[in-house]
Amino acid sequence: MKRLFVDANILIRVVVGKEYDLLEYLVGTEPYTSTSVLEEAAYKIVALSVMEAREKR
């Protein structure tokens, strides 16, 4: 089984950009990441959500 490192950009593209084909690519692999990557992704997702909410006003 192939190990793949998942960085923050992949997580953001899946959550914000709804690029689910990236998840399909990960099927059959052993994805891994670090807690700092998860923290970065969470921060960026929250920031993008706030910016999007401001634009809708």
Protein backbone atom coordinates (compact mmCIF):
# COMPACT_ATOMS: atom_id res chain seq x y z
CA MET A 1 0.00 0.00 0.00
CA LYS A 2 1.33 3.44 -0.95
CA ARG A 3 1.77 6.02 1.85
CA LEU A 4 0.85 9.61 0.98
CA PHE A 5 1.41 12.74 3.01
CA VAL A 6 -1.70 14.94 2.98
CA ASP A 7 -0.92 18.64 3.36
CA ALA A 8 -3.25 21.49 4.31
CA ASN A 9 -3.98 22.42 0.70
CA ILE A 10 -5.53 19.04 -0.02
CA LEU A 11 -7.78 19.27 3.04
CA ILE A 12 -8.82 22.82 2.15
CA ARG A 13 -9.58 21.90 -1.47
CA VAL A 14 -11.80 19.04 -0.31
CA VAL A 15 -13.67 21.01 2.37
CA VAL A 16 -13.94 24.45 0.76
CA GLY A 17 -13.61 23.63 -2.93
CA LYS A 18 -15.64 20.42 -2.72
CA GLU A 19 -13.05 18.60 -4.82
CA TYR A 20 -14.14 15.13 -3.83
CA ASP A 21 -12.11 13.50 -6.59
CA LEU A 22 -9.10 14.06 -4.33
CA LEU A 23 -10.71 11.82 -1.73
CA GLU A 24 -11.31 9.17 -4.36
CA TYR A 25 -7.61 9.34 -5.22
CA LEU A 26 -6.73 8.59 -1.60
CA VAL A 27 -8.82 5.40 -1.54
CA GLY A 28 -6.48 2.44 -1.52
CA THR A 29 -3.60 4.44 -0.06
CA GLU A 30 -2.38 5.03 3.46
CA PRO A 31 -2.76 8.82 3.91
CA TYR A 32 -1.06 10.48 6.86
CA THR A 33 -0.50 14.02 8.10
CA SER A 34 0.68 15.91 11.17
CA THR A 35 -1.22 17.79 13.83
CA SER A 36 0.33 21.07 12.69
CA VAL A 37 -1.10 20.50 9.20
CA LEU A 38 -4.53 19.88 10.72
CA GLU A 39 -4.22 23.11 12.73
CA GLU A 40 -3.20 25.06 9.62
CA ALA A 41 -6.06 23.64 7.59
CA ALA A 42 -8.60 24.40 10.32
CA TYR A 43 -7.36 27.99 10.62
CA LYS A 44 -7.50 28.57 6.86
CA ILE A 45 -10.97 27.03 6.56
CA VAL A 46 -12.30 29.29 9.32
CA ALA A 47 -10.62 32.35 7.75
CA LEU A 48 -12.04 31.53 4.30
CA SER A 49 -15.50 31.04 5.82
CA VAL A 50 -15.35 34.45 7.51
CA MET A 51 -14.23 36.14 4.28
CA GLU A 52 -17.02 34.43 2.35
CA ALA A 53 -19.61 35.52 4.94
CA ARG A 54 -18.39 39.14 4.71
CA GLU A 55 -18.71 39.08 0.91
CA LYS A 56 -22.35 37.99 1.18
CA ARG A 57 -23.29 41.06 3.23
